[in-house]
């Protein structure tokens, strides 16, 4: 367990974080992963590209 924790602490970064998701309850595991994906996508702050009147 200590080696596992050390590995995660040394390889997880702000740019590329690791997430530990319990897999013994599939329904909750899927909810947790869904929340991580949604939060990550929302953090990207994506917007539609601006267009011109001529192109519209």
PDB file of N, CA and C in Angstrom:
ATOM      1  N   UNK A   1       0.817  -1.182   0.000  1.00  0.00           N
ATOM      2  CA  UNK A   1       0.000   0.000   0.000  1.00  0.00           C
ATOM      3  C   UNK A   1       0.872   1.261   0.000  1.00  0.00           C
ATOM      4  N   UNK A   2       1.970   1.228   0.751  1.00  0.00           N
ATOM      5  CA  UNK A   2       2.865   2.395   0.805  1.00  0.00           C
ATOM      6  C   UNK A   2       3.507   2.656  -0.552  1.00  0.00           C
ATOM      7  N   UNK A   3       3.923   1.594  -1.237  1.00  0.00           N
ATOM      8  CA  UNK A   3       4.537   1.754  -2.566  1.00  0.00           C
ATOM      9  C   UNK A   3       3.525   2.316  -3.553  1.00  0.00           C
ATOM     10  N   UNK A   4       2.302   1.843  -3.474  1.00  0.00           N
ATOM     11  CA  UNK A   4       1.226   2.321  -4.339  1.00  0.00           C
ATOM     12  C   UNK A   4       0.987   3.812  -4.107  1.00  0.00           C
ATOM     13  N   UNK A   5       0.908   4.202  -2.839  1.00  0.00           N
ATOM     14  CA  UNK A   5       0.690   5.604  -2.484  1.00  0.00           C
ATOM     15  C   UNK A   5       1.866   6.473  -2.939  1.00  0.00           C
ATOM     16  N   UNK A   6       3.080   5.993  -2.748  1.00  0.00           N
ATOM     17  CA  UNK A   6       4.264   6.742  -3.166  1.00  0.00           C
ATOM     18  C   UNK A   6       4.282   6.931  -4.681  1.00  0.00           C
ATOM     19  N   UNK A   7       3.946   5.884  -5.402  1.00  0.00           N
ATOM     20  CA  UNK A   7       3.890   5.957  -6.870  1.00  0.00           C
ATOM     21  C   UNK A   7       2.889   7.008  -7.328  1.00  0.00           C
ATOM     22  N   UNK A   8       1.698   6.988  -6.757  1.00  0.00           N
ATOM     23  CA  UNK A   8       0.681   7.969  -7.134  1.00  0.00           C
ATOM     24  C   UNK A   8       1.100   9.387  -6.773  1.00  0.00           C
ATOM     25  N   UNK A   9       1.677   9.567  -5.601  1.00  0.00           N
ATOM     26  CA  UNK A   9       2.103  10.902  -5.176  1.00  0.00           C
ATOM     27  C   UNK A   9       3.206  11.465  -6.066  1.00  0.00           C
ATOM     28  N   UNK A  10       4.076  10.617  -6.580  1.00  0.00           N
ATOM     29  CA  UNK A  10       5.197  11.101  -7.397  1.00  0.00           C
ATOM     30  C   UNK A  10       4.839  11.274  -8.871  1.00  0.00           C
ATOM     31  N   UNK A  11       3.772  10.638  -9.330  1.00  0.00           N
ATOM     32  CA  UNK A  11       3.431  10.723 -10.751  1.00  0.00           C
ATOM     33  C   UNK A  11       2.199  11.563 -11.031  1.00  0.00           C
ATOM     34  N   UNK A  12       1.397  11.842 -10.035  1.00  0.00           N
ATOM     35  CA  UNK A  12       0.206  12.654 -10.232  1.00  0.00           C
ATOM     36  C   UNK A  12       0.590  14.130 -10.172  1.00  0.00           C
ATOM     37  N   UNK A  13       0.222  14.873 -11.201  1.00  0.00           N
ATOM     38  CA  UNK A  13       0.523  16.305 -11.254  1.00  0.00           C
ATOM     39  C   UNK A  13      -0.763  17.090 -11.473  1.00  0.00           C
ATOM     40  N   UNK A  14      -0.678  18.403 -11.338  1.00  0.00           N
ATOM     41  CA  UNK A  14      -1.847  19.251 -11.599  1.00  0.00           C
ATOM     42  C   UNK A  14      -2.278  19.101 -13.060  1.00  0.00           C
ATOM     43  N   UNK A  15      -1.305  18.993 -13.945  1.00  0.00           N
ATOM     44  CA  UNK A  15      -1.591  18.872 -15.381  1.00  0.00           C
ATOM     45  C   UNK A  15      -2.162  17.501 -15.732  1.00  0.00           C
ATOM     46  N   UNK A  16      -1.717  16.457 -15.048  1.00  0.00           N
ATOM     47  CA  UNK A  16      -2.153  15.085 -15.336  1.00  0.00           C
ATOM     48  C   UNK A  16      -2.392  14.330 -14.025  1.00  0.00           C
ATOM     49  N   UNK A  17      -3.524  14.626 -13.373  1.00  0.00           N
ATOM     50  CA  UNK A  17      -3.777  13.987 -12.071  1.00  0.00           C
ATOM     51  C   UNK A  17      -4.225  12.536 -12.193  1.00  0.00           C
ATOM     52  N   UNK A  18      -3.957  11.777 -11.144  1.00  0.00           N
ATOM     53  CA  UNK A  18      -4.456  10.416 -11.013  1.00  0.00           C
ATOM     54  C   UNK A  18      -5.657  10.467 -10.083  1.00  0.00           C
ATOM     55  N   UNK A  19      -6.608   9.594 -10.328  1.00  0.00           N
ATOM     56  CA  UNK A  19      -7.773   9.472  -9.454  1.00  0.00           C
ATOM     57  C   UNK A  19      -7.890   8.017  -9.030  1.00  0.00           C
ATOM     58  N   UNK A  20      -8.129   7.784  -7.750  1.00  0.00           N
ATOM     59  CA  UNK A  20      -8.337   6.434  -7.244  1.00  0.00           C
ATOM     60  C   UNK A  20      -9.838   6.271  -7.045  1.00  0.00           C
ATOM     61  N   UNK A  21     -10.418   5.345  -7.801  1.00  0.00           N
ATOM     62  CA  UNK A  21     -11.862   5.124  -7.765  1.00  0.00           C
ATOM     63  C   UNK A  21     -12.120   3.709  -7.254  1.00  0.00           C
ATOM     64  N   UNK A  22     -12.895   3.577  -6.188  1.00  0.00           N
ATOM     65  CA  UNK A  22     -13.199   2.234  -5.691  1.00  0.00           C
ATOM     66  C   UNK A  22     -14.021   1.458  -6.720  1.00  0.00           C
ATOM     67  N   UNK A  23     -13.631   0.227  -6.976  1.00  0.00           N
ATOM     68  CA  UNK A  23     -14.280  -0.553  -8.028  1.00  0.00           C
ATOM     69  C   UNK A  23     -15.197  -1.635  -7.484  1.00  0.00           C
ATOM     70  N   UNK A  24     -15.386  -1.701  -6.181  1.00  0.00           N
ATOM     71  CA  UNK A  24     -16.224  -2.764  -5.619  1.00  0.00           C
ATOM     72  C   UNK A  24     -17.715  -2.475  -5.762  1.00  0.00           C
ATOM     73  N   UNK A  25     -18.065  -1.242  -6.108  1.00  0.00           N
ATOM     74  CA  UNK A  25     -19.457  -0.865  -6.341  1.00  0.00           C
ATOM     75  C   UNK A  25     -19.516  -0.171  -7.699  1.00  0.00           C
ATOM     76  N   UNK A  26     -19.875  -0.929  -8.734  1.00  0.00           N
ATOM     77  CA  UNK A  26     -19.805  -0.421 -10.106  1.00  0.00           C
ATOM     78  C   UNK A  26     -20.645   0.835 -10.316  1.00  0.00           C
ATOM     79  N   UNK A  27     -21.839   0.882  -9.738  1.00  0.00           N
ATOM     80  CA  UNK A  27     -22.707   2.039  -9.942  1.00  0.00           C
ATOM     81  C   UNK A  27     -22.055   3.316  -9.407  1.00  0.00           C
ATOM     82  N   UNK A  28     -21.536   3.257  -8.183  1.00  0.00           N
ATOM     83  CA  UNK A  28     -20.875   4.429  -7.612  1.00  0.00           C
ATOM     84  C   UNK A  28     -19.570   4.742  -8.331  1.00  0.00           C
ATOM     85  N   UNK A  29     -18.840   3.727  -8.761  1.00  0.00           N
ATOM     86  CA  UNK A  29     -17.597   3.959  -9.492  1.00  0.00           C
ATOM     87  C   UNK A  29     -17.892   4.726 -10.783  1.00  0.00           C
ATOM     88  N   UNK A  30     -18.943   4.336 -11.467  1.00  0.00           N
ATOM     89  CA  UNK A  30     -19.313   5.033 -12.712  1.00  0.00           C
ATOM     90  C   UNK A  30     -19.749   6.467 -12.449  1.00  0.00           C
ATOM     91  N   UNK A  31     -20.465   6.677 -11.345  1.00  0.00           N
ATOM     92  CA  UNK A  31     -20.860   8.042 -10.982  1.00  0.00           C
ATOM     93  C   UNK A  31     -19.643   8.909 -10.672  1.00  0.00           C
ATOM     94  N   UNK A  32     -18.689   8.346  -9.955  1.00  0.00           N
ATOM     95  CA  UNK A  32     -17.472   9.081  -9.610  1.00  0.00           C
ATOM     96  C   UNK A  32     -16.696   9.448 -10.870  1.00  0.00           C
ATOM     97  N   UNK A  33     -16.530   8.488 -11.772  1.00  0.00           N
ATOM     98  CA  UNK A  33     -15.800   8.746 -13.019  1.00  0.00           C
ATOM     99  C   UNK A  33     -16.548   9.782 -13.857  1.00  0.00           C
ATOM    100  N   UNK A  34     -17.867   9.688 -13.922  1.00  0.00           N
ATOM    101  CA  UNK A  34     -18.659  10.672 -14.669  1.00  0.00           C
ATOM    102  C   UNK A  34     -18.454  12.075 -14.115  1.00  0.00           C
ATOM    103  N   UNK A  35     -18.434  12.200 -12.791  1.00  0.00           N
ATOM    104  CA  UNK A  35     -18.238  13.504 -12.165  1.00  0.00           C
ATOM    105  C   UNK A  35     -16.850  14.065 -12.485  1.00  0.00           C
ATOM    106  N   UNK A  36     -15.842  13.199 -12.466  1.00  0.00           N
ATOM    107  CA  UNK A  36     -14.477  13.627 -12.790  1.00  0.00           C
ATOM    108  C   UNK A  36     -14.408  14.129 -14.223  1.00  0.00           C
ATOM    109  N   UNK A  37     -15.025  13.396 -15.152  1.00  0.00           N
ATOM    110  CA  UNK A  37     -15.020  13.793 -16.566  1.00  0.00           C
ATOM    111  C   UNK A  37     -15.750  15.121 -16.742  1.00  0.00           C
ATOM    112  N   UNK A  38     -16.928  15.262 -16.143  1.00  0.00           N
ATOM    113  CA  UNK A  38     -17.675  16.515 -16.265  1.00  0.00           C
ATOM    114  C   UNK A  38     -16.911  17.697 -15.682  1.00  0.00           C
ATOM    115  N   UNK A  39     -16.324  17.520 -14.516  1.00  0.00           N
ATOM    116  CA  UNK A  39     -15.545  18.602 -13.898  1.00  0.00           C
ATOM    117  C   UNK A  39     -14.355  18.986 -14.767  1.00  0.00           C
ATOM    118  N   UNK A  40     -13.694  17.988 -15.335  1.00  0.00           N
ATOM    119  CA  UNK A  40     -12.536  18.254 -16.189  1.00  0.00           C
ATOM    120  C   UNK A  40     -12.950  19.010 -17.443  1.00  0.00           C
ATOM    121  N   UNK A  41     -14.046  18.614 -18.058  1.00  0.00           N
ATOM    122  CA  UNK A  41     -14.533  19.306 -19.252  1.00  0.00           C
ATOM    123  C   UNK A  41     -14.956  20.735 -18.922  1.00  0.00           C
ATOM    124  N   UNK A  42     -15.622  20.933 -17.797  1.00  0.00           N
ATOM    125  CA  UNK A  42     -16.028  22.281 -17.393  1.00  0.00           C
ATOM    126  C   UNK A  42     -14.832  23.174 -17.111  1.00  0.00           C
ATOM    127  N   UNK A  43     -13.758  22.606 -16.592  1.00  0.00           N
ATOM    128  CA  UNK A  43     -12.545  23.380 -16.305  1.00  0.00           C
ATOM    129  C   UNK A  43     -11.841  23.854 -17.572  1.00  0.00           C
ATOM    130  N   UNK A  44     -12.142  23.242 -18.713  1.00  0.00           N
ATOM    131  CA  UNK A  44     -11.519  23.652 -19.972  1.00  0.00           C
ATOM    132  C   UNK A  44     -12.045  24.991 -20.467  1.00  0.00           C
ATOM    133  N   UNK A  45     -13.215  25.394 -19.985  1.00  0.00           N
ATOM    134  CA  UNK A  45     -13.825  26.680 -20.345  1.00  0.00           C
ATOM    135  C   UNK A  45     -13.857  26.875 -21.871  1.00  0.00           C
ATOM    136  N   UNK A  46     -14.390  25.881 -22.544  1.00  0.00           N
ATOM    137  CA  UNK A  46     -14.473  25.944 -24.005  1.00  0.00           C
ATOM    138  C   UNK A  46     -15.632  26.845 -24.427  1.00  0.00           C
ATOM    139  N   UNK A  47     -15.460  27.536 -25.543  1.00  0.00           N
ATOM    140  CA  UNK A  47     -16.506  28.385 -26.115  1.00  0.00           C
ATOM    141  C   UNK A  47     -16.543  28.146 -27.615  1.00  0.00           C
ATOM    142  N   UNK A  48     -17.692  28.457 -28.190  1.00  0.00           N
ATOM    143  CA  UNK A  48     -17.787  28.369 -29.643  1.00  0.00           C
ATOM    144  C   UNK A  48     -16.920  29.452 -30.262  1.00  0.00           C
ATOM    145  N   UNK A  49     -16.323  29.186 -31.423  1.00  0.00           N
ATOM    146  CA  UNK A  49     -15.480  30.199 -32.049  1.00  0.00           C
ATOM    147  C   UNK A  49     -16.349  31.367 -32.543  1.00  0.00           C
ATOM    148  N   UNK A  50     -15.768  32.533 -32.541  1.00  0.00           N
ATOM    149  CA  UNK A  50     -16.465  33.729 -33.045  1.00  0.00           C
ATOM    150  C   UNK A  50     -16.558  33.611 -34.565  1.00  0.00           C
ATOM    151  N   UNK A  51     -17.621  34.135 -35.102  1.00  0.00           N
ATOM    152  CA  UNK A  51     -17.802  34.096 -36.547  1.00  0.00           C
ATOM    153  C   UNK A  51     -18.136  35.499 -37.039  1.00  0.00           C
ATOM    154  N   UNK A  52     -18.115  35.657 -38.320  1.00  0.00           N
ATOM    155  CA  UNK A  52     -18.427  36.950 -38.923  1.00  0.00           C
ATOM    156  C   UNK A  52     -19.861  36.922 -39.445  1.00  0.00           C
ATOM    157  N   UNK A  53     -20.407  38.096 -39.702  1.00  0.00           N
ATOM    158  CA  UNK A  53     -21.763  38.183 -40.242  1.00  0.00           C
ATOM    159  C   UNK A  53     -21.831  37.518 -41.618  1.00  0.00           C
ATOM    160  N   UNK A  54     -20.786  37.669 -42.402  1.00  0.00           N
ATOM    161  CA  UNK A  54     -20.760  37.101 -43.739  1.00  0.00           C
ATOM    162  C   UNK A  54     -20.819  35.559 -43.668  1.00  0.00           C
ATOM    163  N   UNK A  55     -20.116  35.001 -42.763  1.00  0.00           N
ATOM    164  CA  UNK A  55     -20.093  33.546 -42.624  1.00  0.00           C
ATOM    165  C   UNK A  55     -21.392  32.996 -42.058  1.00  0.00           C
ATOM    166  N   UNK A  56     -22.033  33.766 -41.203  1.00  0.00           N
ATOM    167  CA  UNK A  56     -23.290  33.333 -40.605  1.00  0.00           C
ATOM    168  C   UNK A  56     -24.337  33.244 -41.657  1.00  0.00           C
TER     169      UNK A  56
END
